[in-house]
PDB file of all heavy atoms in Angstrom:
ATOM      1  N   ARG A   1     -60.364-191.147 -64.659  1.00  0.00           N
ATOM      2  CA  ARG A   1     -59.429-191.768 -63.719  1.00  0.00           C
ATOM      3  C   ARG A   1     -58.342-190.758 -63.311  1.00  0.00           C
ATOM      4  O   ARG A   1     -57.818-190.820 -62.199  1.00  0.00           O
ATOM      5  CB  ARG A   1     -58.814-193.017 -64.351  1.00  0.00           C
ATOM      6  CG  ARG A   1     -58.063-193.893 -63.377  1.00  0.00           C
ATOM      7  CD  ARG A   1     -57.733-195.254 -63.957  1.00  0.00           C
ATOM      8  NE  ARG A   1     -57.038-196.059 -62.964  1.00  0.00           N
ATOM      9  CZ  ARG A   1     -57.638-196.763 -62.028  1.00  0.00           C
ATOM     10  NH1 ARG A   1     -58.948-196.800 -61.969  1.00  0.00           N
ATOM     11  NH2 ARG A   1     -56.929-197.465 -61.154  1.00  0.00           N
ATOM     12  N   GLY A   2     -58.047-189.839 -64.218  1.00  0.00           N
ATOM     13  CA  GLY A   2     -57.033-188.827 -63.937  1.00  0.00           C
ATOM     14  C   GLY A   2     -57.563-187.613 -63.203  1.00  0.00           C
ATOM     15  O   GLY A   2     -56.797-186.692 -62.884  1.00  0.00           O
ATOM     16  N   GLY A   3     -58.888-187.570 -62.949  1.00  0.00           N
ATOM     17  CA  GLY A   3     -59.437-186.489 -62.141  1.00  0.00           C
ATOM     18  C   GLY A   3     -60.081-185.343 -62.901  1.00  0.00           C
ATOM     19  O   GLY A   3     -60.461-184.329 -62.303  1.00  0.00           O
ATOM     20  N   ILE A   4     -60.249-185.490 -64.202  1.00  0.00           N
ATOM     21  CA  ILE A   4     -60.925-184.443 -64.967  1.00  0.00           C
ATOM     22  C   ILE A   4     -62.429-184.576 -64.759  1.00  0.00           C
ATOM     23  O   ILE A   4     -62.991-185.659 -64.903  1.00  0.00           O
ATOM     24  CB  ILE A   4     -60.577-184.547 -66.463  1.00  0.00           C
ATOM     25  CG1 ILE A   4     -59.071-184.334 -66.651  1.00  0.00           C
ATOM     26  CG2 ILE A   4     -61.367-183.521 -67.277  1.00  0.00           C
ATOM     27  CD1 ILE A   4     -58.584-184.603 -68.059  1.00  0.00           C
ATOM     28  N   THR A   5     -63.070-183.460 -64.425  1.00  0.00           N
ATOM     29  CA  THR A   5     -64.487-183.495 -64.056  1.00  0.00           C
ATOM     30  C   THR A   5     -65.367-182.765 -65.067  1.00  0.00           C
ATOM     31  O   THR A   5     -64.901-181.885 -65.806  1.00  0.00           O
ATOM     32  CB  THR A   5     -64.697-182.871 -62.669  1.00  0.00           C
ATOM     33  OG1 THR A   5     -64.229-181.511 -62.689  1.00  0.00           O
ATOM     34  CG2 THR A   5     -63.942-183.638 -61.607  1.00  0.00           C
ATOM     35  N   GLN A   6     -66.618-183.135 -65.063  1.00  0.00           N
ATOM     36  CA  GLN A   6     -67.625-182.507 -65.913  1.00  0.00           C
ATOM     37  C   GLN A   6     -68.929-182.466 -65.128  1.00  0.00           C
ATOM     38  O   GLN A   6     -69.257-183.432 -64.429  1.00  0.00           O
ATOM     39  CB  GLN A   6     -67.805-183.326 -67.197  1.00  0.00           C
ATOM     40  CG  GLN A   6     -68.865-182.797 -68.142  1.00  0.00           C
ATOM     41  CD  GLN A   6     -69.070-183.716 -69.336  1.00  0.00           C
ATOM     42  OE1 GLN A   6     -68.410-184.742 -69.462  1.00  0.00           O
ATOM     43  NE2 GLN A   6     -69.992-183.362 -70.203  1.00  0.00           N
ATOM     44  N   TYR A   7     -69.661-181.348 -65.243  1.00  0.00           N
ATOM     45  CA  TYR A   7     -70.917-181.198 -64.499  1.00  0.00           C
ATOM     46  C   TYR A   7     -72.021-180.693 -65.416  1.00  0.00           C
ATOM     47  O   TYR A   7     -71.774-179.910 -66.337  1.00  0.00           O
ATOM     48  CB  TYR A   7     -70.750-180.173 -63.364  1.00  0.00           C
ATOM     49  CG  TYR A   7     -69.754-180.550 -62.305  1.00  0.00           C
ATOM     50  CD1 TYR A   7     -68.422-180.163 -62.415  1.00  0.00           C
ATOM     51  CD2 TYR A   7     -70.133-181.291 -61.192  1.00  0.00           C
ATOM     52  CE1 TYR A   7     -67.492-180.503 -61.440  1.00  0.00           C
ATOM     53  CE2 TYR A   7     -69.219-181.624 -60.208  1.00  0.00           C
ATOM     54  CZ  TYR A   7     -67.906-181.232 -60.344  1.00  0.00           C
ATOM     55  OH  TYR A   7     -66.989-181.571 -59.369  1.00  0.00           O
ATOM     56  N   VAL A   8     -73.240-181.079 -65.113  1.00  0.00           N
ATOM     57  CA  VAL A   8     -74.386-180.461 -65.774  1.00  0.00           C
ATOM     58  C   VAL A   8     -74.513-179.042 -65.214  1.00  0.00           C
ATOM     59  O   VAL A   8     -74.173-178.789 -64.047  1.00  0.00           O
ATOM     60  CB  VAL A   8     -75.672-181.284 -65.528  1.00  0.00           C
ATOM     61  CG1 VAL A   8     -76.093-181.255 -64.067  1.00  0.00           C
ATOM     62  CG2 VAL A   8     -76.798-180.811 -66.429  1.00  0.00           C
ATOM     63  N   ASP A   9     -74.972-178.114 -66.031  1.00  0.00           N
ATOM     64  CA  ASP A   9     -74.997-176.703 -65.623  1.00  0.00           C
ATOM     65  C   ASP A   9     -75.778-176.475 -64.330  1.00  0.00           C
ATOM     66  O   ASP A   9     -75.404-175.629 -63.508  1.00  0.00           O
ATOM     67  CB  ASP A   9     -75.604-175.847 -66.739  1.00  0.00           C
ATOM     68  CG  ASP A   9     -74.651-175.645 -67.904  1.00  0.00           C
ATOM     69  OD1 ASP A   9     -73.450-175.946 -67.740  1.00  0.00           O
ATOM     70  OD2 ASP A   9     -75.104-175.194 -68.965  1.00  0.00           O
ATOM     71  N   SER A  10     -76.838-177.219 -64.128  1.00  0.00           N
ATOM     72  CA  SER A  10     -77.724-176.970 -62.992  1.00  0.00           C
ATOM     73  C   SER A  10     -77.088-177.268 -61.634  1.00  0.00           C
ATOM     74  O   SER A  10     -77.612-176.842 -60.594  1.00  0.00           O
ATOM     75  CB  SER A  10     -79.014-177.779 -63.139  1.00  0.00           C
ATOM     76  OG  SER A  10     -78.726-179.159 -63.194  1.00  0.00           O
ATOM     77  N   VAL A  11     -75.956-177.980 -61.616  1.00  0.00           N
ATOM     78  CA  VAL A  11     -75.318-178.315 -60.333  1.00  0.00           C
ATOM     79  C   VAL A  11     -73.950-177.653 -60.170  1.00  0.00           C
ATOM     80  O   VAL A  11     -73.336-177.785 -59.100  1.00  0.00           O
ATOM     81  CB  VAL A  11     -75.191-179.836 -60.126  1.00  0.00           C
ATOM     82  CG1 VAL A  11     -76.532-180.522 -60.338  1.00  0.00           C
ATOM     83  CG2 VAL A  11     -74.129-180.434 -61.033  1.00  0.00           C
ATOM     84  N   LYS A  12     -73.487-176.966 -61.184  1.00  0.00           N
ATOM     85  CA  LYS A  12     -72.167-176.323 -61.094  1.00  0.00           C
ATOM     86  C   LYS A  12     -72.136-175.336 -59.923  1.00  0.00           C
ATOM     87  O   LYS A  12     -73.038-174.540 -59.735  1.00  0.00           O
ATOM     88  CB  LYS A  12     -71.844-175.600 -62.401  1.00  0.00           C
ATOM     89  CG  LYS A  12     -71.478-176.523 -63.539  1.00  0.00           C
ATOM     90  CD  LYS A  12     -71.155-175.753 -64.824  1.00  0.00           C
ATOM     91  CE  LYS A  12     -70.789-176.695 -65.948  1.00  0.00           C
ATOM     92  NZ  LYS A  12     -70.548-175.971 -67.216  1.00  0.00           N
ATOM     93  N   GLY A  13     -71.066-175.421 -59.146  1.00  0.00           N
ATOM     94  CA  GLY A  13     -70.920-174.548 -57.981  1.00  0.00           C
ATOM     95  C   GLY A  13     -71.573-175.097 -56.728  1.00  0.00           C
ATOM     96  O   GLY A  13     -71.361-174.565 -55.632  1.00  0.00           O
ATOM     97  N   ARG A  14     -72.382-176.122 -56.858  1.00  0.00           N
ATOM     98  CA  ARG A  14     -73.058-176.719 -55.693  1.00  0.00           C
ATOM     99  C   ARG A  14     -72.592-178.155 -55.427  1.00  0.00           C
ATOM    100  O   ARG A  14     -72.507-178.572 -54.275  1.00  0.00           O
ATOM    101  CB  ARG A  14     -74.575-176.713 -55.903  1.00  0.00           C
ATOM    102  CG  ARG A  14     -75.177-175.327 -56.107  1.00  0.00           C
ATOM    103  CD  ARG A  14     -76.699-175.379 -56.098  1.00  0.00           C
ATOM    104  NE  ARG A  14     -77.245-176.181 -57.190  1.00  0.00           N
ATOM    105  CZ  ARG A  14     -78.038-177.237 -57.013  1.00  0.00           C
ATOM    106  NH1 ARG A  14     -78.384-177.619 -55.793  1.00  0.00           N
ATOM    107  NH2 ARG A  14     -78.508-177.905 -58.067  1.00  0.00           N
ATOM    108  N   PHE A  15     -72.346-178.918 -56.481  1.00  0.00           N
ATOM    109  CA  PHE A  15     -71.949-180.322 -56.345  1.00  0.00           C
ATOM    110  C   PHE A  15     -70.469-180.472 -56.699  1.00  0.00           C
ATOM    111  O   PHE A  15     -69.949-179.777 -57.574  1.00  0.00           O
ATOM    112  CB  PHE A  15     -72.752-181.198 -57.293  1.00  0.00           C
ATOM    113  CG  PHE A  15     -74.217-181.339 -56.957  1.00  0.00           C
ATOM    114  CD1 PHE A  15     -74.827-180.565 -55.999  1.00  0.00           C
ATOM    115  CD2 PHE A  15     -74.984-182.293 -57.633  1.00  0.00           C
ATOM    116  CE1 PHE A  15     -76.182-180.702 -55.706  1.00  0.00           C
ATOM    117  CE2 PHE A  15     -76.329-182.454 -57.351  1.00  0.00           C
ATOM    118  CZ  PHE A  15     -76.932-181.648 -56.391  1.00  0.00           C
ATOM    119  N   THR A  16     -69.830-181.406 -56.019  1.00  0.00           N
ATOM    120  CA  THR A  16     -68.435-181.729 -56.317  1.00  0.00           C
ATOM    121  C   THR A  16     -68.272-183.237 -56.401  1.00  0.00           C
ATOM    122  O   THR A  16     -68.620-183.955 -55.463  1.00  0.00           O
ATOM    123  CB  THR A  16     -67.496-181.180 -55.238  1.00  0.00           C
ATOM    124  OG1 THR A  16     -67.664-179.762 -55.130  1.00  0.00           O
ATOM    125  CG2 THR A  16     -66.039-181.487 -55.593  1.00  0.00           C
ATOM    126  N   ILE A  17     -67.734-183.695 -57.532  1.00  0.00           N
ATOM    127  CA  ILE A  17     -67.456-185.119 -57.705  1.00  0.00           C
ATOM    128  C   ILE A  17     -65.980-185.361 -57.439  1.00  0.00           C
ATOM    129  O   ILE A  17     -65.126-184.536 -57.797  1.00  0.00           O
ATOM    130  CB  ILE A  17     -67.860-185.605 -59.113  1.00  0.00           C
ATOM    131  CG1 ILE A  17     -67.783-187.130 -59.202  1.00  0.00           C
ATOM    132  CG2 ILE A  17     -67.029-184.930 -60.200  1.00  0.00           C
ATOM    133  CD1 ILE A  17     -68.391-187.705 -60.485  1.00  0.00           C
ATOM    134  N   SER A  18     -65.683-186.487 -56.795  1.00  0.00           N
ATOM    135  CA  SER A  18     -64.295-186.860 -56.524  1.00  0.00           C
ATOM    136  C   SER A  18     -64.204-188.375 -56.524  1.00  0.00           C
ATOM    137  O   SER A  18     -65.231-189.059 -56.521  1.00  0.00           O
ATOM    138  CB  SER A  18     -63.822-186.280 -55.188  1.00  0.00           C
ATOM    139  OG  SER A  18     -64.605-186.776 -54.123  1.00  0.00           O
ATOM    140  N   ARG A  19     -62.975-188.887 -56.528  1.00  0.00           N
ATOM    141  CA  ARG A  19     -62.809-190.348 -56.527  1.00  0.00           C
ATOM    142  C   ARG A  19     -61.544-190.726 -55.816  1.00  0.00           C
ATOM    143  O   ARG A  19     -60.587-189.946 -55.738  1.00  0.00           O
ATOM    144  CB  ARG A  19     -62.843-190.910 -57.945  1.00  0.00           C
ATOM    145  CG  ARG A  19     -61.669-190.515 -58.814  1.00  0.00           C
ATOM    146  CD  ARG A  19     -61.893-190.972 -60.252  1.00  0.00           C
ATOM    147  NE  ARG A  19     -61.735-192.417 -60.412  1.00  0.00           N
ATOM    148  CZ  ARG A  19     -62.054-193.087 -61.522  1.00  0.00           C
ATOM    149  NH1 ARG A  19     -62.557-192.427 -62.565  1.00  0.00           N
ATOM    150  NH2 ARG A  19     -61.865-194.391 -61.597  1.00  0.00           N
ATOM    151  N   ASP A  20     -61.544-191.953 -55.336  1.00  0.00           N
ATOM    152  CA  ASP A  20     -60.370-192.573 -54.722  1.00  0.00           C
ATOM    153  C   ASP A  20     -60.086-193.821 -55.537  1.00  0.00           C
ATOM    154  O   ASP A  20     -60.789-194.827 -55.411  1.00  0.00           O
ATOM    155  CB  ASP A  20     -60.665-192.903 -53.254  1.00  0.00           C
ATOM    156  CG  ASP A  20     -59.459-193.475 -52.537  1.00  0.00           C
ATOM    157  OD1 ASP A  20     -58.584-194.070 -53.186  1.00  0.00           O
ATOM    158  OD2 ASP A  20     -59.393-193.344 -51.304  1.00  0.00           O
ATOM    159  N   ASN A  21     -59.074-193.754 -56.403  1.00  0.00           N
ATOM    160  CA  ASN A  21     -58.792-194.881 -57.300  1.00  0.00           C
ATOM    161  C   ASN A  21     -58.368-196.128 -56.536  1.00  0.00           C
ATOM    162  O   ASN A  21     -58.659-197.245 -56.952  1.00  0.00           O
ATOM    163  CB  ASN A  21     -57.723-194.487 -58.315  1.00  0.00           C
ATOM    164  CG  ASN A  21     -58.234-193.494 -59.336  1.00  0.00           C
ATOM    165  OD1 ASN A  21     -59.426-193.454 -59.636  1.00  0.00           O
ATOM    166  ND2 ASN A  21     -57.339-192.674 -59.871  1.00  0.00           N
ATOM    167  N   ALA A  22     -57.676-195.944 -55.428  1.00  0.00           N
ATOM    168  CA  ALA A  22     -57.228-197.098 -54.649  1.00  0.00           C
ATOM    169  C   ALA A  22     -58.416-197.873 -54.081  1.00  0.00           C
ATOM    170  O   ALA A  22     -58.338-199.091 -53.896  1.00  0.00           O
ATOM    171  CB  ALA A  22     -56.316-196.636 -53.525  1.00  0.00           C
ATOM    172  N   LYS A  23     -59.503-197.154 -53.821  1.00  0.00           N
ATOM    173  CA  LYS A  23     -60.699-197.793 -53.255  1.00  0.00           C
ATOM    174  C   LYS A  23     -61.780-198.032 -54.303  1.00  0.00           C
ATOM    175  O   LYS A  23     -62.854-198.538 -53.970  1.00  0.00           O
ATOM    176  CB  LYS A  23     -61.276-196.916 -52.138  1.00  0.00           C
ATOM    177  CG  LYS A  23     -60.368-196.757 -50.934  1.00  0.00           C
ATOM    178  CD  LYS A  23     -61.025-195.899 -49.865  1.00  0.00           C
ATOM    179  CE  LYS A  23     -60.129-195.751 -48.651  1.00  0.00           C
ATOM    180  NZ  LYS A  23     -60.752-194.903 -47.599  1.00  0.00           N
ATOM    181  N   ASN A  24     -61.506-197.639 -55.558  1.00  0.00           N
ATOM    182  CA  ASN A  24     -62.525-197.768 -56.611  1.00  0.00           C
ATOM    183  C   ASN A  24     -63.841-197.123 -56.181  1.00  0.00           C
ATOM    184  O   ASN A  24     -64.927-197.676 -56.405  1.00  0.00           O
ATOM    185  CB  ASN A  24     -62.775-199.239 -56.968  1.00  0.00           C
ATOM    186  CG  ASN A  24     -61.885-199.716 -58.104  1.00  0.00           C
ATOM    187  OD1 ASN A  24     -61.285-198.918 -58.832  1.00  0.00           O
ATOM    188  ND2 ASN A  24     -61.783-201.010 -58.261  1.00  0.00           N
ATOM    189  N   THR A  25     -63.739-195.988 -55.574  1.00  0.00           N
ATOM    190  CA  THR A  25     -64.912-195.318 -55.022  1.00  0.00           C
ATOM    191  C   THR A  25     -65.036-193.905 -55.582  1.00  0.00           C
ATOM    192  O   THR A  25     -64.032-193.187 -55.693  1.00  0.00           O
ATOM    193  CB  THR A  25     -64.838-195.265 -53.491  1.00  0.00           C
ATOM    194  OG1 THR A  25     -64.795-196.600 -52.977  1.00  0.00           O
ATOM    195  CG2 THR A  25     -66.060-194.565 -52.899  1.00  0.00           C
ATOM    196  N   VAL A  26     -66.256-193.534 -55.929  1.00  0.00           N
ATOM    197  CA  VAL A  26     -66.545-192.189 -56.399  1.00  0.00           C
ATOM    198  C   VAL A  26     -67.543-191.546 -55.432  1.00  0.00           C
ATOM    199  O   VAL A  26     -68.410-192.224 -54.887  1.00  0.00           O
ATOM    200  CB  VAL A  26     -67.087-192.199 -57.842  1.00  0.00           C
ATOM    201  CG1 VAL A  26     -68.403-192.954 -57.941  1.00  0.00           C
ATOM    202  CG2 VAL A  26     -67.226-190.787 -58.395  1.00  0.00           C
ATOM    203  N   TYR A  27     -67.362-190.244 -55.227  1.00  0.00           N
ATOM    204  CA  TYR A  27     -68.185-189.507 -54.290  1.00  0.00           C
ATOM    205  C   TYR A  27     -68.889-188.352 -54.997  1.00  0.00           C
ATOM    206  O   TYR A  27     -68.408-187.840 -56.000  1.00  0.00           O
ATOM    207  CB  TYR A  27     -67.327-188.929 -53.162  1.00  0.00           C
ATOM    208  CG  TYR A  27     -66.478-189.961 -52.450  1.00  0.00           C
ATOM    209  CD1 TYR A  27     -65.151-190.163 -52.828  1.00  0.00           C
ATOM    210  CD2 TYR A  27     -66.987-190.727 -51.410  1.00  0.00           C
ATOM    211  CE1 TYR A  27     -64.359-191.104 -52.186  1.00  0.00           C
ATOM    212  CE2 TYR A  27     -66.203-191.667 -50.752  1.00  0.00           C
ATOM    213  CZ  TYR A  27     -64.893-191.854 -51.156  1.00  0.00           C
ATOM    214  OH  TYR A  27     -64.111-192.788 -50.522  1.00  0.00           O
ATOM    215  N   LEU A  28     -70.024-187.944 -54.431  1.00  0.00           N
ATOM    216  CA  LEU A  28     -70.692-186.741 -54.909  1.00  0.00           C
ATOM    217  C   LEU A  28     -71.096-185.930 -53.689  1.00  0.00           C
ATOM    218  O   LEU A  28     -72.012-186.319 -52.956  1.00  0.00           O
ATOM    219  CB  LEU A  28     -71.912-187.073 -55.756  1.00  0.00           C
ATOM    220  CG  LEU A  28     -72.585-185.869 -56.414  1.00  0.00           C
ATOM    221  CD1 LEU A  28     -71.653-185.265 -57.488  1.00  0.00           C
ATOM    222  CD2 LEU A  28     -73.925-186.250 -57.046  1.00  0.00           C
ATOM    223  N   GLN A  29     -70.396-184.834 -53.467  1.00  0.00           N
ATOM    224  CA  GLN A  29     -70.748-183.916 -52.389  1.00  0.00           C
ATOM    225  C   GLN A  29     -71.770-182.932 -52.929  1.00  0.00           C
ATOM    226  O   GLN A  29     -71.491-182.220 -53.898  1.00  0.00           O
ATOM    227  CB  GLN A  29     -69.509-183.171 -51.886  1.00  0.00           C
ATOM    228  CG  GLN A  29     -69.803-182.144 -50.804  1.00  0.00           C
ATOM    229  CD  GLN A  29     -70.273-182.775 -49.515  1.00  0.00           C
ATOM    230  OE1 GLN A  29     -69.706-183.779 -49.065  1.00  0.00           O
ATOM    231  NE2 GLN A  29     -71.303-182.201 -48.901  1.00  0.00           N
ATOM    232  N   MET A  30     -72.932-182.902 -52.315  1.00  0.00           N
ATOM    233  CA  MET A  30     -74.023-182.057 -52.789  1.00  0.00           C
ATOM    234  C   MET A  30     -74.341-181.019 -51.729  1.00  0.00           C
ATOM    235  O   MET A  30     -74.769-181.367 -50.625  1.00  0.00           O
ATOM    236  CB  MET A  30     -75.258-182.910 -53.100  1.00  0.00           C
ATOM    237  CG  MET A  30     -74.986-184.040 -54.080  1.00  0.00           C
ATOM    238  SD  MET A  30     -76.485-184.949 -54.532  1.00  0.00           S
ATOM    239  CE  MET A  30     -76.876-185.705 -52.961  1.00  0.00           C
TER     240      MET A  30
END
């Protein structure tokens, strides 16, 4: 909820996870 992220090694540098707490929405930019 505070924005700390974790990725599997195979997607690091290519995928980005983000969230909008006000909208209860999570995104994955690939």
